């Protein structure tokens, strides 16, 4: 068989599903089940609408925070610390031993370091002059 290689900006859901399922099966066969579970800590307004929060997942004993957004009116009030603490508490309940996150925002970097996250890698000049920083924390 001679494979055909295609570069696309619009893969189908089925295309992506084949890749995800195949990689998941390979990883589970070589290192065991991931036990991947979504995890979100939401900030809601008085009407119950989501206005920010943290989104990520736990997998292979780790919490990965993919997204963390604090609305402008709540910044500087320790909200990031609250979200991270609640996510970490749930991750510990799920048996996680560590957490990791990445950012190229200097303010977020400082906030994560204040919560005990330590740098383990960097990509200098990731966006303009900003460095993308990867951080971890033992739970």
N, C-alpha and C. Protein backbone atom coordinates (compact mmCIF):
# COMPACT_ATOMS: atom_id res chain seq x y z
N UNK A 1 0.84 -1.19 0.00
CA UNK A 1 0.00 0.00 0.00
C UNK A 1 0.88 1.24 0.00
N UNK A 2 0.54 2.17 -0.85
CA UNK A 2 1.25 3.45 -0.90
C UNK A 2 0.29 4.51 -0.36
N UNK A 3 0.57 5.07 0.83
CA UNK A 3 -0.37 6.04 1.42
C UNK A 3 -0.36 7.38 0.67
N UNK A 4 -1.48 8.05 0.72
CA UNK A 4 -1.63 9.41 0.18
C UNK A 4 -1.59 10.37 1.35
N UNK A 5 -0.73 11.35 1.28
CA UNK A 5 -0.60 12.35 2.36
C UNK A 5 -1.35 13.60 1.93
N UNK A 6 -2.20 14.11 2.83
CA UNK A 6 -2.99 15.31 2.54
C UNK A 6 -2.80 16.31 3.68
N UNK A 7 -2.51 17.54 3.34
CA UNK A 7 -2.44 18.63 4.31
C UNK A 7 -3.74 19.42 4.20
N UNK A 8 -4.41 19.64 5.34
CA UNK A 8 -5.70 20.32 5.30
C UNK A 8 -5.90 21.20 6.53
N UNK A 9 -6.62 22.27 6.33
CA UNK A 9 -7.03 23.13 7.44
C UNK A 9 -8.45 22.80 7.89
N UNK A 10 -9.05 21.81 7.26
CA UNK A 10 -10.43 21.47 7.61
C UNK A 10 -10.64 19.95 7.66
N UNK A 11 -9.97 19.30 8.62
CA UNK A 11 -10.21 17.86 8.75
C UNK A 11 -11.64 17.61 9.24
N UNK A 12 -12.18 16.46 8.88
CA UNK A 12 -13.53 16.13 9.36
C UNK A 12 -13.43 15.62 10.80
N UNK A 13 -14.55 15.60 11.46
CA UNK A 13 -14.61 15.01 12.80
C UNK A 13 -14.18 13.56 12.78
N UNK A 14 -14.55 12.87 11.72
CA UNK A 14 -14.17 11.46 11.58
C UNK A 14 -12.66 11.32 11.42
N UNK A 15 -12.03 12.22 10.64
CA UNK A 15 -10.57 12.19 10.48
C UNK A 15 -9.89 12.30 11.84
N UNK A 16 -10.30 13.28 12.61
CA UNK A 16 -9.69 13.51 13.92
C UNK A 16 -9.97 12.37 14.88
N UNK A 17 -11.17 11.79 14.77
CA UNK A 17 -11.54 10.69 15.64
C UNK A 17 -10.66 9.46 15.39
N UNK A 18 -10.32 9.20 14.13
CA UNK A 18 -9.43 8.07 13.80
C UNK A 18 -8.07 8.27 14.48
N UNK A 19 -7.54 9.49 14.38
CA UNK A 19 -6.22 9.77 14.98
C UNK A 19 -6.29 9.62 16.49
N UNK A 20 -7.31 10.23 17.11
CA UNK A 20 -7.45 10.17 18.57
C UNK A 20 -7.62 8.74 19.06
N UNK A 21 -8.52 8.00 18.44
CA UNK A 21 -8.77 6.62 18.89
C UNK A 21 -7.54 5.74 18.69
N UNK A 22 -6.84 5.93 17.58
CA UNK A 22 -5.64 5.13 17.31
C UNK A 22 -4.53 5.44 18.30
N UNK A 23 -4.30 6.71 18.55
CA UNK A 23 -3.26 7.08 19.51
C UNK A 23 -3.62 6.62 20.92
N UNK A 24 -4.89 6.79 21.29
CA UNK A 24 -5.34 6.34 22.61
C UNK A 24 -5.13 4.84 22.77
N UNK A 25 -5.49 4.07 21.77
CA UNK A 25 -5.31 2.61 21.84
C UNK A 25 -3.83 2.26 21.96
N UNK A 26 -2.98 2.92 21.20
CA UNK A 26 -1.53 2.67 21.26
C UNK A 26 -0.99 2.99 22.65
N UNK A 27 -1.33 4.18 23.16
CA UNK A 27 -0.84 4.59 24.48
C UNK A 27 -1.33 3.65 25.58
N UNK A 28 -2.58 3.28 25.52
CA UNK A 28 -3.12 2.40 26.55
C UNK A 28 -2.46 1.02 26.49
N UNK A 29 -2.10 0.58 25.30
CA UNK A 29 -1.43 -0.72 25.17
C UNK A 29 0.00 -0.67 25.71
N UNK A 30 0.63 0.51 25.63
CA UNK A 30 2.04 0.61 26.06
C UNK A 30 2.22 1.12 27.48
N UNK A 31 1.31 1.96 27.98
CA UNK A 31 1.48 2.51 29.35
C UNK A 31 0.26 2.33 30.24
N UNK A 32 -0.81 1.79 29.72
CA UNK A 32 -2.01 1.58 30.52
C UNK A 32 -3.06 2.64 30.28
N UNK A 33 -4.25 2.42 30.82
CA UNK A 33 -5.36 3.35 30.59
C UNK A 33 -5.07 4.73 31.17
N UNK A 34 -5.54 5.74 30.46
CA UNK A 34 -5.29 7.12 30.89
C UNK A 34 -6.26 7.59 31.97
N UNK A 35 -7.44 6.97 32.02
CA UNK A 35 -8.49 7.42 32.94
C UNK A 35 -8.78 8.91 32.77
N UNK A 36 -8.73 9.38 31.52
CA UNK A 36 -8.93 10.81 31.22
C UNK A 36 -10.36 11.22 31.57
N UNK A 37 -10.44 12.31 32.35
CA UNK A 37 -11.73 12.87 32.73
C UNK A 37 -11.65 14.39 32.66
N UNK A 38 -12.65 15.03 32.05
CA UNK A 38 -12.68 16.49 32.02
C UNK A 38 -12.77 17.05 33.43
N UNK A 39 -12.28 18.26 33.60
CA UNK A 39 -12.38 18.96 34.88
C UNK A 39 -12.55 20.44 34.58
N UNK A 40 -13.56 21.04 35.15
CA UNK A 40 -13.79 22.48 34.98
C UNK A 40 -14.16 23.08 36.33
N UNK A 41 -13.70 24.29 36.54
CA UNK A 41 -14.08 25.10 37.69
C UNK A 41 -14.60 26.40 37.10
N UNK A 42 -15.90 26.64 37.24
CA UNK A 42 -16.55 27.73 36.53
C UNK A 42 -16.82 28.93 37.42
N UNK A 43 -16.70 30.11 36.84
CA UNK A 43 -17.12 31.36 37.49
C UNK A 43 -18.44 31.75 36.84
N UNK A 44 -19.46 31.91 37.65
CA UNK A 44 -20.78 32.26 37.12
C UNK A 44 -21.22 33.62 37.68
N UNK A 45 -21.97 34.37 36.87
CA UNK A 45 -22.52 35.64 37.33
C UNK A 45 -23.80 35.39 38.12
N UNK A 46 -24.44 36.47 38.55
CA UNK A 46 -25.66 36.34 39.36
C UNK A 46 -26.81 35.66 38.64
N UNK A 47 -26.78 35.67 37.30
CA UNK A 47 -27.83 35.01 36.52
C UNK A 47 -27.47 33.55 36.21
N UNK A 48 -26.32 33.10 36.70
CA UNK A 48 -25.91 31.72 36.48
C UNK A 48 -25.15 31.50 35.18
N UNK A 49 -24.83 32.58 34.46
CA UNK A 49 -24.08 32.46 33.21
C UNK A 49 -22.59 32.32 33.49
N UNK A 50 -21.93 31.45 32.77
CA UNK A 50 -20.49 31.29 32.90
C UNK A 50 -19.80 32.51 32.33
N UNK A 51 -18.91 33.11 33.14
CA UNK A 51 -18.18 34.30 32.69
C UNK A 51 -16.66 34.08 32.70
N UNK A 52 -16.24 32.92 33.14
CA UNK A 52 -14.82 32.60 33.16
C UNK A 52 -14.62 31.28 33.87
N UNK A 53 -13.36 30.95 34.10
CA UNK A 53 -13.08 29.73 34.83
C UNK A 53 -11.86 29.00 34.32
N UNK A 54 -11.78 27.74 34.71
CA UNK A 54 -10.67 26.87 34.40
C UNK A 54 -11.22 25.64 33.70
N UNK A 55 -10.53 25.20 32.65
CA UNK A 55 -10.92 24.00 31.93
C UNK A 55 -9.68 23.16 31.69
N UNK A 56 -9.82 21.87 31.93
CA UNK A 56 -8.71 20.96 31.70
C UNK A 56 -9.17 19.53 31.84
N UNK A 57 -8.25 18.69 32.24
CA UNK A 57 -8.59 17.29 32.44
C UNK A 57 -7.55 16.62 33.33
N UNK A 58 -7.94 15.47 33.88
CA UNK A 58 -6.99 14.64 34.59
C UNK A 58 -6.74 13.40 33.74
N UNK A 59 -5.49 12.94 33.77
CA UNK A 59 -5.10 11.79 32.95
C UNK A 59 -3.77 11.26 33.45
N UNK A 60 -3.64 9.93 33.54
CA UNK A 60 -2.41 9.28 33.97
C UNK A 60 -1.86 9.88 35.27
N UNK A 61 -2.75 10.27 36.16
CA UNK A 61 -2.32 10.79 37.46
C UNK A 61 -1.89 12.24 37.46
N UNK A 62 -2.24 12.97 36.40
CA UNK A 62 -1.87 14.39 36.30
C UNK A 62 -3.08 15.24 35.99
N UNK A 63 -3.08 16.45 36.54
CA UNK A 63 -4.04 17.48 36.17
C UNK A 63 -3.37 18.36 35.12
N UNK A 64 -4.03 18.55 33.99
CA UNK A 64 -3.55 19.50 32.98
C UNK A 64 -4.57 20.60 32.85
N UNK A 65 -4.19 21.83 33.13
CA UNK A 65 -5.05 22.99 32.94
C UNK A 65 -4.82 23.51 31.53
N UNK A 66 -5.84 23.37 30.68
CA UNK A 66 -5.74 23.82 29.30
C UNK A 66 -6.05 25.30 29.16
N UNK A 67 -7.09 25.75 29.85
CA UNK A 67 -7.55 27.13 29.73
C UNK A 67 -7.86 27.69 31.12
N UNK A 68 -7.50 28.94 31.35
CA UNK A 68 -7.87 29.62 32.58
C UNK A 68 -8.12 31.08 32.21
N UNK A 69 -9.34 31.54 32.44
CA UNK A 69 -9.71 32.92 32.10
C UNK A 69 -10.43 33.56 33.28
N UNK A 70 -9.94 34.73 33.66
CA UNK A 70 -10.56 35.54 34.72
C UNK A 70 -11.09 36.82 34.06
N UNK A 71 -12.38 37.12 34.20
CA UNK A 71 -12.91 38.36 33.65
C UNK A 71 -12.19 39.58 34.25
N UNK A 72 -12.06 40.60 33.46
CA UNK A 72 -11.33 41.81 33.87
C UNK A 72 -11.78 42.32 35.24
N UNK A 73 -13.08 42.37 35.50
CA UNK A 73 -13.58 42.92 36.76
C UNK A 73 -13.21 42.09 37.98
N UNK A 74 -12.76 40.85 37.79
CA UNK A 74 -12.40 39.98 38.91
C UNK A 74 -10.88 39.79 39.06
N UNK A 75 -10.11 40.37 38.16
CA UNK A 75 -8.65 40.19 38.22
C UNK A 75 -8.07 40.93 39.42
N UNK A 76 -6.98 40.38 39.94
CA UNK A 76 -6.30 41.00 41.07
C UNK A 76 -6.96 40.71 42.41
N UNK A 77 -7.88 39.77 42.45
CA UNK A 77 -8.61 39.44 43.68
C UNK A 77 -8.36 38.00 44.14
N UNK A 78 -7.34 37.37 43.59
CA UNK A 78 -7.03 36.00 44.00
C UNK A 78 -7.89 34.93 43.35
N UNK A 79 -8.60 35.30 42.29
CA UNK A 79 -9.51 34.35 41.64
C UNK A 79 -8.75 33.20 40.98
N UNK A 80 -7.60 33.48 40.35
CA UNK A 80 -6.82 32.41 39.74
C UNK A 80 -6.39 31.40 40.80
N UNK A 81 -5.97 31.90 41.95
CA UNK A 81 -5.57 31.01 43.05
C UNK A 81 -6.74 30.13 43.47
N UNK A 82 -7.92 30.71 43.58
CA UNK A 82 -9.10 29.96 43.98
C UNK A 82 -9.42 28.86 42.97
N UNK A 83 -9.39 29.21 41.69
CA UNK A 83 -9.69 28.23 40.65
C UNK A 83 -8.68 27.09 40.66
N UNK A 84 -7.39 27.44 40.74
CA UNK A 84 -6.35 26.42 40.75
C UNK A 84 -6.47 25.52 41.98
N UNK A 85 -6.72 26.11 43.14
CA UNK A 85 -6.86 25.32 44.37
C UNK A 85 -8.01 24.35 44.26
N UNK A 86 -9.13 24.80 43.73
CA UNK A 86 -10.29 23.91 43.62
C UNK A 86 -10.03 22.79 42.61
N UNK A 87 -9.37 23.13 41.49
CA UNK A 87 -9.04 22.09 40.50
C UNK A 87 -8.05 21.09 41.10
N UNK A 88 -7.07 21.58 41.84
CA UNK A 88 -6.08 20.69 42.47
C UNK A 88 -6.72 19.79 43.51
N UNK A 89 -7.67 20.33 44.27
CA UNK A 89 -8.38 19.51 45.26
C UNK A 89 -9.12 18.37 44.58
N UNK A 90 -9.80 18.68 43.47
CA UNK A 90 -10.51 17.63 42.74
C UNK A 90 -9.53 16.64 42.13
N UNK A 91 -8.40 17.14 41.62
CA UNK A 91 -7.40 16.26 41.03
C UNK A 91 -6.84 15.30 42.08
N UNK A 92 -6.58 15.80 43.28
CA UNK A 92 -6.11 14.92 44.37
C UNK A 92 -7.16 13.87 44.69
N UNK A 93 -8.43 14.29 44.73
CA UNK A 93 -9.52 13.34 44.99
C UNK A 93 -9.53 12.24 43.93
N UNK A 94 -9.15 12.59 42.70
CA UNK A 94 -9.09 11.62 41.61
C UNK A 94 -7.79 10.80 41.62
N UNK A 95 -6.93 11.07 42.58
CA UNK A 95 -5.69 10.31 42.69
C UNK A 95 -4.50 10.89 41.97
N UNK A 96 -4.58 12.13 41.53
CA UNK A 96 -3.47 12.74 40.80
C UNK A 96 -2.31 13.07 41.73
N UNK A 97 -1.10 12.94 41.19
CA UNK A 97 0.12 13.22 41.94
C UNK A 97 0.80 14.51 41.50
N UNK A 98 0.33 15.11 40.39
CA UNK A 98 0.95 16.33 39.90
C UNK A 98 0.01 17.11 39.00
N UNK A 99 0.42 18.36 38.72
CA UNK A 99 -0.34 19.23 37.84
C UNK A 99 0.63 19.97 36.93
N UNK A 100 0.15 20.30 35.73
CA UNK A 100 0.96 21.12 34.85
C UNK A 100 0.09 22.08 34.06
N UNK A 101 0.75 23.15 33.61
CA UNK A 101 0.06 24.23 32.91
C UNK A 101 1.10 24.95 32.07
N UNK A 102 0.66 25.66 31.04
CA UNK A 102 1.60 26.49 30.30
C UNK A 102 0.96 27.83 29.99
N UNK A 103 1.82 28.84 29.75
CA UNK A 103 1.34 30.19 29.49
C UNK A 103 2.40 31.00 28.76
N UNK A 104 1.96 32.02 28.04
CA UNK A 104 2.90 33.01 27.53
C UNK A 104 2.52 34.40 28.02
N UNK A 105 1.67 34.44 29.07
CA UNK A 105 1.25 35.69 29.70
C UNK A 105 2.09 35.92 30.96
N UNK A 106 2.84 37.02 31.04
CA UNK A 106 3.70 37.27 32.20
C UNK A 106 2.94 37.35 33.53
N UNK A 107 1.73 37.93 33.52
CA UNK A 107 0.94 38.01 34.75
C UNK A 107 0.49 36.63 35.20
N UNK A 108 0.06 35.81 34.26
CA UNK A 108 -0.36 34.45 34.60
C UNK A 108 0.82 33.64 35.13
N UNK A 109 1.98 33.82 34.53
CA UNK A 109 3.19 33.12 35.00
C UNK A 109 3.43 33.42 36.48
N UNK A 110 3.35 34.68 36.84
CA UNK A 110 3.56 35.07 38.25
C UNK A 110 2.49 34.46 39.15
N UNK A 111 1.25 34.47 38.68
CA UNK A 111 0.15 33.90 39.48
C UNK A 111 0.37 32.41 39.71
N UNK A 112 0.79 31.68 38.69
CA UNK A 112 1.02 30.25 38.83
C UNK A 112 2.20 29.98 39.76
N UNK A 113 3.24 30.77 39.65
CA UNK A 113 4.40 30.59 40.54
C UNK A 113 4.01 30.87 41.99
N UNK A 114 3.14 31.85 42.22
CA UNK A 114 2.68 32.13 43.59
C UNK A 114 1.92 30.94 44.16
N UNK A 115 1.33 30.12 43.29
CA UNK A 115 0.59 28.94 43.74
C UNK A 115 1.47 27.70 43.83
N UNK A 116 2.78 27.87 43.69
CA UNK A 116 3.70 26.76 43.88
C UNK A 116 4.10 26.03 42.61
N UNK A 117 3.70 26.54 41.45
CA UNK A 117 4.10 25.92 40.20
C UNK A 117 5.55 26.32 39.88
N UNK A 118 6.32 25.35 39.38
CA UNK A 118 7.73 25.56 39.05
C UNK A 118 7.95 25.37 37.56
N UNK A 119 8.80 26.20 36.98
CA UNK A 119 9.11 26.12 35.55
C UNK A 119 9.90 24.85 35.25
N UNK A 120 9.48 24.14 34.19
CA UNK A 120 10.26 22.99 33.73
C UNK A 120 10.63 23.08 32.25
N UNK A 121 10.17 24.13 31.59
CA UNK A 121 10.55 24.30 30.19
C UNK A 121 10.08 25.63 29.65
N UNK A 122 10.75 26.08 28.58
CA UNK A 122 10.41 27.36 27.96
C UNK A 122 10.62 27.30 26.45
N UNK A 123 9.80 28.07 25.73
CA UNK A 123 9.99 28.31 24.31
C UNK A 123 10.17 29.82 24.14
N UNK A 124 11.41 30.31 24.08
CA UNK A 124 11.65 31.75 23.96
C UNK A 124 11.05 32.31 22.66
N UNK A 125 10.62 33.55 22.72
CA UNK A 125 10.06 34.27 21.56
C UNK A 125 8.94 33.46 20.90
N UNK A 126 8.09 32.86 21.70
CA UNK A 126 6.98 32.06 21.19
C UNK A 126 6.02 32.93 20.39
N UNK A 127 5.64 34.07 20.96
CA UNK A 127 4.81 35.07 20.29
C UNK A 127 5.51 36.40 20.49
N UNK A 128 6.03 36.97 19.43
CA UNK A 128 6.79 38.21 19.56
C UNK A 128 7.96 37.95 20.49
N UNK A 129 8.06 38.76 21.52
CA UNK A 129 9.13 38.58 22.51
C UNK A 129 8.70 37.73 23.70
N UNK A 130 7.44 37.31 23.72
CA UNK A 130 6.94 36.53 24.86
C UNK A 130 7.40 35.08 24.81
N UNK A 131 7.80 34.59 25.96
CA UNK A 131 8.23 33.20 26.12
C UNK A 131 7.04 32.37 26.57
N UNK A 132 6.88 31.21 25.98
CA UNK A 132 5.88 30.26 26.47
C UNK A 132 6.55 29.43 27.53
N UNK A 133 5.95 29.41 28.71
CA UNK A 133 6.55 28.75 29.86
C UNK A 133 5.68 27.57 30.30
N UNK A 134 6.33 26.45 30.58
CA UNK A 134 5.66 25.24 31.05
C UNK A 134 5.98 25.05 32.52
N UNK A 135 4.93 24.84 33.32
CA UNK A 135 5.10 24.74 34.76
C UNK A 135 4.46 23.47 35.30
N UNK A 136 4.99 23.00 36.44
CA UNK A 136 4.45 21.80 37.08
C UNK A 136 4.38 22.02 38.59
N UNK A 137 3.60 21.18 39.22
CA UNK A 137 3.45 21.25 40.67
C UNK A 137 3.14 19.85 41.19
N UNK A 138 3.81 19.47 42.24
CA UNK A 138 3.50 18.19 42.90
C UNK A 138 2.22 18.38 43.70
N UNK A 139 1.34 17.40 43.63
CA UNK A 139 0.11 17.45 44.42
C UNK A 139 0.22 16.48 45.58
